Amino acid sequence: MNVIQKSEAIKNGLRKGFQDGSSKMAKRKCYGYTISSVGELEINPDEAKVVSWIFERYLAGDSLGKIAAGLERQGIPSPTGKPRWNREAIDKLLS
């Protein structure tokens, strides 16, 4: 199997996982959105405010740690429901 065939096989496997729901990424919560009854993403107004705040703070020059501390101070739970946000969760959200 050459590199191109291997790449195509990987992409096909990822596509299949998303289509049949077996991919961990397909089940991942998309913070700032909820899934509608027909399976489409809809904006979650409360979480969208948090996402906007995170971007505002990041653009103002705050570090990921400072943003995490600010979310904790405000009592905003992480996407997984934990009381503390970590830098990785914020970094993923920003990217």
PDB file of N, CA and C in Angstrom:
ATOM      1  N   MET A   1       0.856  -1.181   0.000  1.00  0.00           N
ATOM      2  CA  MET A   1       0.000   0.000   0.000  1.00  0.00           C
ATOM      3  C   MET A   1       0.895   1.235   0.000  1.00  0.00           C
ATOM      4  N   ASN A   2       0.688   2.112  -0.969  1.00  0.00           N
ATOM      5  CA  ASN A   2       1.497   3.331  -1.007  1.00  0.00           C
ATOM      6  C   ASN A   2       0.897   4.410  -0.106  1.00  0.00           C
ATOM      7  N   VAL A   3       1.578   5.508   0.001  1.00  0.00           N
ATOM      8  CA  VAL A   3       1.179   6.593   0.902  1.00  0.00           C
ATOM      9  C   VAL A   3      -0.196   7.142   0.533  1.00  0.00           C
ATOM     10  N   ILE A   4      -0.467   7.317  -0.742  1.00  0.00           N
ATOM     11  CA  ILE A   4      -1.750   7.866  -1.180  1.00  0.00           C
ATOM     12  C   ILE A   4      -2.884   6.902  -0.838  1.00  0.00           C
ATOM     13  N   GLN A   5      -2.671   5.607  -1.071  1.00  0.00           N
ATOM     14  CA  GLN A   5      -3.704   4.621  -0.735  1.00  0.00           C
ATOM     15  C   GLN A   5      -3.960   4.585   0.772  1.00  0.00           C
ATOM     16  N   LYS A   6      -2.886   4.685   1.544  1.00  0.00           N
ATOM     17  CA  LYS A   6      -3.023   4.678   2.996  1.00  0.00           C
ATOM     18  C   LYS A   6      -3.805   5.906   3.459  1.00  0.00           C
ATOM     19  N   SER A   7      -3.499   7.064   2.889  1.00  0.00           N
ATOM     20  CA  SER A   7      -4.202   8.293   3.220  1.00  0.00           C
ATOM     21  C   SER A   7      -5.695   8.166   2.900  1.00  0.00           C
ATOM     22  N   GLU A   8      -6.009   7.621   1.744  1.00  0.00           N
ATOM     23  CA  GLU A   8      -7.411   7.441   1.339  1.00  0.00           C
ATOM     24  C   GLU A   8      -8.126   6.473   2.275  1.00  0.00           C
ATOM     25  N   ALA A   9      -7.433   5.412   2.678  1.00  0.00           N
ATOM     26  CA  ALA A   9      -8.025   4.428   3.591  1.00  0.00           C
ATOM     27  C   ALA A   9      -8.333   5.072   4.945  1.00  0.00           C
ATOM     28  N   ILE A  10      -7.424   5.919   5.426  1.00  0.00           N
ATOM     29  CA  ILE A  10      -7.638   6.610   6.700  1.00  0.00           C
ATOM     30  C   ILE A  10      -8.827   7.558   6.590  1.00  0.00           C
ATOM     31  N   LYS A  11      -8.868   8.347   5.511  1.00  0.00           N
ATOM     32  CA  LYS A  11      -9.985   9.284   5.329  1.00  0.00           C
ATOM     33  C   LYS A  11     -11.319   8.544   5.235  1.00  0.00           C
ATOM     34  N   ASN A  12     -11.329   7.434   4.513  1.00  0.00           N
ATOM     35  CA  ASN A  12     -12.564   6.655   4.384  1.00  0.00           C
ATOM     36  C   ASN A  12     -12.999   6.105   5.737  1.00  0.00           C
ATOM     37  N   GLY A  13     -12.044   5.652   6.543  1.00  0.00           N
ATOM     38  CA  GLY A  13     -12.361   5.158   7.878  1.00  0.00           C
ATOM     39  C   GLY A  13     -12.937   6.245   8.768  1.00  0.00           C
ATOM     40  N   LEU A  14     -12.354   7.445   8.703  1.00  0.00           N
ATOM     41  CA  LEU A  14     -12.868   8.578   9.486  1.00  0.00           C
ATOM     42  C   LEU A  14     -14.276   8.960   9.037  1.00  0.00           C
ATOM     43  N   ARG A  15     -14.487   9.015   7.717  1.00  0.00           N
ATOM     44  CA  ARG A  15     -15.814   9.343   7.179  1.00  0.00           C
ATOM     45  C   ARG A  15     -16.855   8.348   7.677  1.00  0.00           C
ATOM     46  N   LYS A  16     -16.518   7.056   7.590  1.00  0.00           N
ATOM     47  CA  LYS A  16     -17.441   6.002   8.012  1.00  0.00           C
ATOM     48  C   LYS A  16     -17.771   6.151   9.493  1.00  0.00           C
ATOM     49  N   GLY A  17     -16.760   6.443  10.314  1.00  0.00           N
ATOM     50  CA  GLY A  17     -16.980   6.617  11.742  1.00  0.00           C
ATOM     51  C   GLY A  17     -17.932   7.755  12.055  1.00  0.00           C
ATOM     52  N   PHE A  18     -17.821   8.860  11.304  1.00  0.00           N
ATOM     53  CA  PHE A  18     -18.726   9.989  11.512  1.00  0.00           C
ATOM     54  C   PHE A  18     -20.129   9.635  11.032  1.00  0.00           C
ATOM     55  N   GLN A  19     -20.216   8.942   9.911  1.00  0.00           N
ATOM     56  CA  GLN A  19     -21.525   8.612   9.362  1.00  0.00           C
ATOM     57  C   GLN A  19     -22.296   7.634  10.233  1.00  0.00           C
ATOM     58  N   ASP A  20     -21.612   6.644  10.784  1.00  0.00           N
ATOM     59  CA  ASP A  20     -22.338   5.655  11.590  1.00  0.00           C
ATOM     60  C   ASP A  20     -22.310   5.971  13.088  1.00  0.00           C
ATOM     61  N   GLY A  21     -21.662   7.083  13.469  1.00  0.00           N
ATOM     62  CA  GLY A  21     -21.667   7.518  14.861  1.00  0.00           C
ATOM     63  C   GLY A  21     -20.688   6.782  15.760  1.00  0.00           C
ATOM     64  N   SER A  22     -19.810   5.981  15.175  1.00  0.00           N
ATOM     65  CA  SER A  22     -18.870   5.223  16.003  1.00  0.00           C
ATOM     66  C   SER A  22     -17.616   6.013  16.363  1.00  0.00           C
ATOM     67  N   SER A  23     -17.400   7.147  15.720  1.00  0.00           N
ATOM     68  CA  SER A  23     -16.231   7.974  15.993  1.00  0.00           C
ATOM     69  C   SER A  23     -16.407   8.729  17.306  1.00  0.00           C
ATOM     70  N   LYS A  24     -15.356   8.744  18.128  1.00  0.00           N
ATOM     71  CA  LYS A  24     -15.406   9.524  19.369  1.00  0.00           C
ATOM     72  C   LYS A  24     -15.582  11.003  19.048  1.00  0.00           C
ATOM     73  N   MET A  25     -15.014  11.455  17.943  1.00  0.00           N
ATOM     74  CA  MET A  25     -15.134  12.860  17.554  1.00  0.00           C
ATOM     75  C   MET A  25     -16.582  13.199  17.197  1.00  0.00           C
ATOM     76  N   ALA A  26     -17.308  12.241  16.618  1.00  0.00           N
ATOM     77  CA  ALA A  26     -18.699  12.491  16.226  1.00  0.00           C
ATOM     78  C   ALA A  26     -19.592  12.667  17.451  1.00  0.00           C
ATOM     79  N   LYS A  27     -19.183  12.094  18.573  1.00  0.00           N
ATOM     80  CA  LYS A  27     -19.989  12.166  19.793  1.00  0.00           C
ATOM     81  C   LYS A  27     -19.565  13.312  20.707  1.00  0.00           C
ATOM     82  N   ARG A  28     -18.532  14.003  20.320  1.00  0.00           N
ATOM     83  CA  ARG A  28     -17.988  15.070  21.134  1.00  0.00           C
ATOM     84  C   ARG A  28     -18.938  16.261  21.188  1.00  0.00           C
ATOM     85  N   LYS A  29     -19.064  16.840  22.356  1.00  0.00           N
ATOM     86  CA  LYS A  29     -19.923  18.006  22.518  1.00  0.00           C
ATOM     87  C   LYS A  29     -19.297  19.198  21.818  1.00  0.00           C
ATOM     88  N   CYS A  30     -20.110  19.913  21.076  1.00  0.00           N
ATOM     89  CA  CYS A  30     -19.654  21.117  20.387  1.00  0.00           C
ATOM     90  C   CYS A  30     -20.139  22.302  21.225  1.00  0.00           C
ATOM     91  N   TYR A  31     -19.250  22.787  22.110  1.00  0.00           N
ATOM     92  CA  TYR A  31     -19.637  23.825  23.064  1.00  0.00           C
ATOM     93  C   TYR A  31     -20.120  25.071  22.332  1.00  0.00           C
ATOM     94  N   GLY A  32     -21.257  25.576  22.773  1.00  0.00           N
ATOM     95  CA  GLY A  32     -21.866  26.744  22.130  1.00  0.00           C
ATOM     96  C   GLY A  32     -23.044  26.344  21.256  1.00  0.00           C
ATOM     97  N   TYR A  33     -23.223  25.033  21.101  1.00  0.00           N
ATOM     98  CA  TYR A  33     -24.301  24.506  20.264  1.00  0.00           C
ATOM     99  C   TYR A  33     -25.011  23.360  20.970  1.00  0.00           C
ATOM    100  N   THR A  34     -26.259  23.123  20.575  1.00  0.00           N
ATOM    101  CA  THR A  34     -26.986  21.927  20.962  1.00  0.00           C
ATOM    102  C   THR A  34     -27.394  21.234  19.669  1.00  0.00           C
ATOM    103  N   ILE A  35     -27.782  19.990  19.784  1.00  0.00           N
ATOM    104  CA  ILE A  35     -28.219  19.249  18.595  1.00  0.00           C
ATOM    105  C   ILE A  35     -29.738  19.240  18.573  1.00  0.00           C
ATOM    106  N   SER A  36     -30.311  19.671  17.458  1.00  0.00           N
ATOM    107  CA  SER A  36     -31.770  19.739  17.326  1.00  0.00           C
ATOM    108  C   SER A  36     -32.357  18.334  17.222  1.00  0.00           C
ATOM    109  N   SER A  37     -33.672  18.275  17.238  1.00  0.00           N
ATOM    110  CA  SER A  37     -34.365  16.981  17.143  1.00  0.00           C
ATOM    111  C   SER A  37     -34.112  16.296  15.803  1.00  0.00           C
ATOM    112  N   VAL A  38     -33.696  17.068  14.796  1.00  0.00           N
ATOM    113  CA  VAL A  38     -33.392  16.469  13.490  1.00  0.00           C
ATOM    114  C   VAL A  38     -31.889  16.285  13.281  1.00  0.00           C
ATOM    115  N   GLY A  39     -31.113  16.479  14.373  1.00  0.00           N
ATOM    116  CA  GLY A  39     -29.681  16.211  14.322  1.00  0.00           C
ATOM    117  C   GLY A  39     -28.816  17.339  13.807  1.00  0.00           C
ATOM    118  N   GLU A  40     -29.360  18.556  13.714  1.00  0.00           N
ATOM    119  CA  GLU A  40     -28.578  19.696  13.244  1.00  0.00           C
ATOM    120  C   GLU A  40     -28.105  20.540  14.425  1.00  0.00           C
ATOM    121  N   LEU A  41     -26.960  21.201  14.241  1.00  0.00           N
ATOM    122  CA  LEU A  41     -26.438  22.070  15.289  1.00  0.00           C
ATOM    123  C   LEU A  41     -27.254  23.360  15.351  1.00  0.00           C
ATOM    124  N   GLU A  42     -27.614  23.742  16.583  1.00  0.00           N
ATOM    125  CA  GLU A  42     -28.299  25.005  16.825  1.00  0.00           C
ATOM    126  C   GLU A  42     -27.514  25.765  17.886  1.00  0.00           C
ATOM    127  N   ILE A  43     -27.460  27.074  17.754  1.00  0.00           N
ATOM    128  CA  ILE A  43     -26.730  27.889  18.727  1.00  0.00           C
ATOM    129  C   ILE A  43     -27.409  27.802  20.092  1.00  0.00           C
ATOM    130  N   ASN A  44     -26.605  27.565  21.119  1.00  0.00           N
ATOM    131  CA  ASN A  44     -27.064  27.590  22.506  1.00  0.00           C
ATOM    132  C   ASN A  44     -26.729  28.992  23.020  1.00  0.00           C
ATOM    133  N   PRO A  45     -27.737  29.848  23.216  1.00  0.00           N
ATOM    134  CA  PRO A  45     -27.471  31.251  23.564  1.00  0.00           C
ATOM    135  C   PRO A  45     -26.596  31.449  24.803  1.00  0.00           C
ATOM    136  N   ASP A  46     -26.823  30.660  25.859  1.00  0.00           N
ATOM    137  CA  ASP A  46     -26.031  30.825  27.081  1.00  0.00           C
ATOM    138  C   ASP A  46     -24.568  30.460  26.839  1.00  0.00           C
ATOM    139  N   GLU A  47     -24.335  29.327  26.174  1.00  0.00           N
ATOM    140  CA  GLU A  47     -22.961  28.922  25.895  1.00  0.00           C
ATOM    141  C   GLU A  47     -22.311  29.846  24.873  1.00  0.00           C
ATOM    142  N   ALA A  48     -23.094  30.376  23.944  1.00  0.00           N
ATOM    143  CA  ALA A  48     -22.548  31.287  22.931  1.00  0.00           C
ATOM    144  C   ALA A  48     -21.977  32.540  23.590  1.00  0.00           C
ATOM    145  N   LYS A  49     -22.607  33.001  24.671  1.00  0.00           N
ATOM    146  CA  LYS A  49     -22.092  34.163  25.408  1.00  0.00           C
ATOM    147  C   LYS A  49     -20.730  33.846  26.017  1.00  0.00           C
ATOM    148  N   VAL A  50     -20.593  32.611  26.519  1.00  0.00           N
ATOM    149  CA  VAL A  50     -19.317  32.190  27.110  1.00  0.00           C
ATOM    150  C   VAL A  50     -18.249  32.119  26.026  1.00  0.00           C
ATOM    151  N   VAL A  51     -18.595  31.561  24.877  1.00  0.00           N
ATOM    152  CA  VAL A  51     -17.645  31.461  23.765  1.00  0.00           C
ATOM    153  C   VAL A  51     -17.196  32.862  23.345  1.00  0.00           C
ATOM    154  N   SER A  52     -18.130  33.788  23.233  1.00  0.00           N
ATOM    155  CA  SER A  52     -17.784  35.171  22.869  1.00  0.00           C
ATOM    156  C   SER A  52     -16.845  35.782  23.897  1.00  0.00           C
ATOM    157  N   TRP A  53     -17.127  35.551  25.187  1.00  0.00           N
ATOM    158  CA  TRP A  53     -16.280  36.080  26.259  1.00  0.00           C
ATOM    159  C   TRP A  53     -14.868  35.517  26.146  1.00  0.00           C
ATOM    160  N   ILE A  54     -14.776  34.211  25.886  1.00  0.00           N
ATOM    161  CA  ILE A  54     -13.457  33.571  25.748  1.00  0.00           C
ATOM    162  C   ILE A  54     -12.676  34.218  24.611  1.00  0.00           C
ATOM    163  N   PHE A  55     -13.314  34.415  23.465  1.00  0.00           N
ATOM    164  CA  PHE A  55     -12.630  35.044  22.331  1.00  0.00           C
ATOM    165  C   PHE A  55     -12.246  36.488  22.635  1.00  0.00           C
ATOM    166  N   GLU A  56     -13.124  37.210  23.293  1.00  0.00           N
ATOM    167  CA  GLU A  56     -12.807  38.598  23.658  1.00  0.00           C
ATOM    168  C   GLU A  56     -11.567  38.660  24.549  1.00  0.00           C
ATOM    169  N   ARG A  57     -11.529  37.793  25.559  1.00  0.00           N
ATOM    170  CA  ARG A  57     -10.395  37.789  26.479  1.00  0.00           C
ATOM    171  C   ARG A  57      -9.109  37.371  25.761  1.00  0.00           C
ATOM    172  N   TYR A  58      -9.212  36.391  24.886  1.00  0.00           N
ATOM    173  CA  TYR A  58      -8.039  35.920  24.146  1.00  0.00           C
ATOM    174  C   TYR A  58      -7.499  37.034  23.248  1.00  0.00           C
ATOM    175  N   LEU A  59      -8.403  37.716  22.550  1.00  0.00           N
ATOM    176  CA  LEU A  59      -7.989  38.808  21.666  1.00  0.00           C
ATOM    177  C   LEU A  59      -7.440  39.998  22.450  1.00  0.00           C
ATOM    178  N   ALA A  60      -7.852  40.121  23.714  1.00  0.00           N
ATOM    179  CA  ALA A  60      -7.333  41.192  24.572  1.00  0.00           C
ATOM    180  C   ALA A  60      -5.959  40.837  25.136  1.00  0.00           C
ATOM    181  N   GLY A  61      -5.497  39.608  24.859  1.00  0.00           N
ATOM    182  CA  GLY A  61      -4.157  39.220  25.284  1.00  0.00           C
ATOM    183  C   GLY A  61      -4.088  38.332  26.516  1.00  0.00           C
ATOM    184  N   ASP A  62      -5.250  37.925  27.045  1.00  0.00           N
ATOM    185  CA  ASP A  62      -5.234  37.047  28.216  1.00  0.00           C
ATOM    186  C   ASP A  62      -4.685  35.671  27.845  1.00  0.00           C
ATOM    187  N   SER A  63      -3.944  35.081  28.767  1.00  0.00           N
ATOM    188  CA  SER A  63      -3.421  33.729  28.558  1.00  0.00           C
ATOM    189  C   SER A  63      -4.555  32.720  28.741  1.00  0.00           C
ATOM    190  N   LEU A  64      -4.325  31.495  28.293  1.00  0.00           N
ATOM    191  CA  LEU A  64      -5.322  30.445  28.467  1.00  0.00           C
ATOM    192  C   LEU A  64      -5.593  30.208  29.951  1.00  0.00           C
ATOM    193  N   GLY A  65      -4.547  30.272  30.765  1.00  0.00           N
ATOM    194  CA  GLY A  65      -4.705  30.099  32.208  1.00  0.00           C
ATOM    195  C   GLY A  65      -5.543  31.197  32.835  1.00  0.00           C
ATOM    196  N   LYS A  66      -5.321  32.422  32.396  1.00  0.00           N
ATOM    197  CA  LYS A  66      -6.083  33.555  32.923  1.00  0.00           C
ATOM    198  C   LYS A  66      -7.551  33.443  32.516  1.00  0.00           C
ATOM    199  N   ILE A  67      -7.800  32.985  31.278  1.00  0.00           N
ATOM    200  CA  ILE A  67      -9.176  32.789  30.813  1.00  0.00           C
ATOM    201  C   ILE A  67      -9.841  31.691  31.641  1.00  0.00           C
ATOM    202  N   ALA A  68      -9.127  30.590  31.872  1.00  0.00           N
ATOM    203  CA  ALA A  68      -9.671  29.492  32.676  1.00  0.00           C
ATOM    204  C   ALA A  68     -10.021  29.975  34.079  1.00  0.00           C
ATOM    205  N   ALA A  69      -9.153  30.765  34.674  1.00  0.00           N
ATOM    206  CA  ALA A  69      -9.402  31.300  36.019  1.00  0.00           C
ATOM    207  C   ALA A  69     -10.623  32.214  36.015  1.00  0.00           C
ATOM    208  N   GLY A  70     -10.772  33.012  34.969  1.00  0.00           N
ATOM    209  CA  GLY A  70     -11.929  33.905  34.862  1.00  0.00           C
ATOM    210  C   GLY A  70     -13.230  33.137  34.744  1.00  0.00           C
ATOM    211  N   LEU A  71     -13.215  32.041  34.000  1.00  0.00           N
ATOM    212  CA  LEU A  71     -14.419  31.213  33.874  1.00  0.00           C
ATOM    213  C   LEU A  71     -14.770  30.580  35.217  1.00  0.00           C
ATOM    214  N   GLU A  72     -13.754  30.128  35.929  1.00  0.00           N
ATOM    215  CA  GLU A  72     -13.975  29.525  37.244  1.00  0.00           C
ATOM    216  C   GLU A  72     -14.547  30.566  38.219  1.00  0.00           C
ATOM    217  N   ARG A  73     -13.977  31.773  38.206  1.00  0.00           N
ATOM    218  CA  ARG A  73     -14.464  32.852  39.075  1.00  0.00           C
ATOM    219  C   ARG A  73     -15.943  33.142  38.823  1.00  0.00           C
ATOM    220  N   GLN A  74     -16.354  33.041  37.556  1.00  0.00           N
ATOM    221  CA  GLN A  74     -17.744  33.311  37.190  1.00  0.00           C
ATOM    222  C   GLN A  74     -18.658  32.112  37.459  1.00  0.00           C
ATOM    223  N   GLY A  75     -18.065  30.986  37.854  1.00  0.00           N
ATOM    224  CA  GLY A  75     -18.867  29.790  38.137  1.00  0.00           C
ATOM    225  C   GLY A  75     -19.402  29.100  36.900  1.00  0.00           C
ATOM    226  N   ILE A  76     -18.700  29.264  35.781  1.00  0.00           N
ATOM    227  CA  ILE A  76     -19.131  28.660  34.520  1.00  0.00           C
ATOM    228  C   ILE A  76     -18.483  27.283  34.390  1.00  0.00           C
ATOM    229  N   PRO A  77     -19.289  26.216  34.353  1.00  0.00           N
ATOM    230  CA  PRO A  77     -18.707  24.877  34.234  1.00  0.00           C
ATOM    231  C   PRO A  77     -18.117  24.633  32.845  1.00  0.00           C
ATOM    232  N   SER A  78     -17.158  23.722  32.801  1.00  0.00           N
ATOM    233  CA  SER A  78     -16.512  23.371  31.531  1.00  0.00           C
ATOM    234  C   SER A  78     -17.495  22.612  30.634  1.00  0.00           C
ATOM    235  N   PRO A  79     -17.137  22.384  29.378  1.00  0.00           N
ATOM    236  CA  PRO A  79     -18.020  21.630  28.489  1.00  0.00           C
ATOM    237  C   PRO A  79     -18.378  20.234  29.019  1.00  0.00           C
ATOM    238  N   THR A  80     -17.516  19.677  29.855  1.00  0.00           N
ATOM    239  CA  THR A  80     -17.804  18.355  30.425  1.00  0.00           C
ATOM    240  C   THR A  80     -18.528  18.452  31.760  1.00  0.00           C
ATOM    241  N   GLY A  81     -18.841  19.671  32.191  1.00  0.00           N
ATOM    242  CA  GLY A  81     -19.588  19.866  33.430  1.00  0.00           C
ATOM    243  C   GLY A  81     -18.731  20.032  34.668  1.00  0.00           C
ATOM    244  N   LYS A  82     -17.420  19.998  34.500  1.00  0.00           N
ATOM    245  CA  LYS A  82     -16.525  20.162  35.650  1.00  0.00           C
ATOM    246  C   LYS A  82     -16.475  21.636  36.049  1.00  0.00           C
ATOM    247  N   PRO A  83     -16.226  21.896  37.340  1.00  0.00           N
ATOM    248  CA  PRO A  83     -16.196  23.300  37.783  1.00  0.00           C
ATOM    249  C   PRO A  83     -14.995  24.082  37.255  1.00  0.00           C
ATOM    250  N   ARG A  84     -13.946  23.374  36.835  1.00  0.00           N
ATOM    251  CA  ARG A  84     -12.739  24.051  36.345  1.00  0.00           C
ATOM    252  C   ARG A  84     -12.524  23.771  34.865  1.00  0.00           C
ATOM    253  N   TRP A  85     -12.146  24.795  34.143  1.00  0.00           N
ATOM    254  CA  TRP A  85     -11.742  24.664  32.746  1.00  0.00           C
ATOM    255  C   TRP A  85     -10.244  24.408  32.736  1.00  0.00           C
ATOM    256  N   ASN A  86      -9.774  23.702  31.724  1.00  0.00           N
ATOM    257  CA  ASN A  86      -8.330  23.566  31.581  1.00  0.00           C
ATOM    258  C   ASN A  86      -7.889  24.280  30.303  1.00  0.00           C
ATOM    259  N   ARG A  87      -6.599  24.526  30.227  1.00  0.00           N
ATOM    260  CA  ARG A  87      -6.054  25.261  29.074  1.00  0.00           C
ATOM    261  C   ARG A  87      -6.341  24.543  27.755  1.00  0.00           C
ATOM    262  N   GLU A  88      -6.267  23.219  27.778  1.00  0.00           N
ATOM    263  CA  GLU A  88      -6.493  22.439  26.557  1.00  0.00           C
ATOM    264  C   GLU A  88      -7.910  22.629  26.019  1.00  0.00           C
ATOM    265  N   ALA A  89      -8.908  22.637  26.903  1.00  0.00           N
ATOM    266  CA  ALA A  89     -10.297  22.828  26.467  1.00  0.00           C
ATOM    267  C   ALA A  89     -10.471  24.198  25.816  1.00  0.00           C
ATOM    268  N   ILE A  90      -9.857  25.211  26.414  1.00  0.00           N
ATOM    269  CA  ILE A  90      -9.949  26.566  25.860  1.00  0.00           C
ATOM    270  C   ILE A  90      -9.216  26.643  24.523  1.00  0.00           C
ATOM    271  N   ASP A  91      -8.044  26.026  24.457  1.00  0.00           N
ATOM    272  CA  ASP A  91      -7.270  26.019  23.213  1.00  0.00           C
ATOM    273  C   ASP A  91      -8.061  25.342  22.090  1.00  0.00           C
ATOM    274  N   LYS A  92      -8.708  24.222  22.391  1.00  0.00           N
ATOM    275  CA  LYS A  92      -9.512  23.516  21.385  1.00  0.00           C
ATOM    276  C   LYS A  92     -10.697  24.378  20.940  1.00  0.00           C
ATOM    277  N   LEU A  93     -11.327  25.040  21.895  1.00  0.00           N
ATOM    278  CA  LEU A  93     -12.452  25.888  21.561  1.00  0.00           C
ATOM    279  C   LEU A  93     -12.014  27.028  20.640  1.00  0.00           C
ATOM    280  N   LEU A  94     -10.880  27.622  20.946  1.00  0.00           N
ATOM    281  CA  LEU A  94     -10.382  28.725  20.119  1.00  0.00           C
ATOM    282  C   LEU A  94      -9.978  28.274  18.724  1.00  0.00           C
ATOM    283  N   SER A  95      -9.493  27.040  18.624  1.00  0.00           N
ATOM    284  CA  SER A  95      -9.055  26.569  17.311  1.00  0.00           C
ATOM    285  C   SER A  95     -10.199  25.986  16.533  1.00  0.00           C
TER     286      SER A  95
END
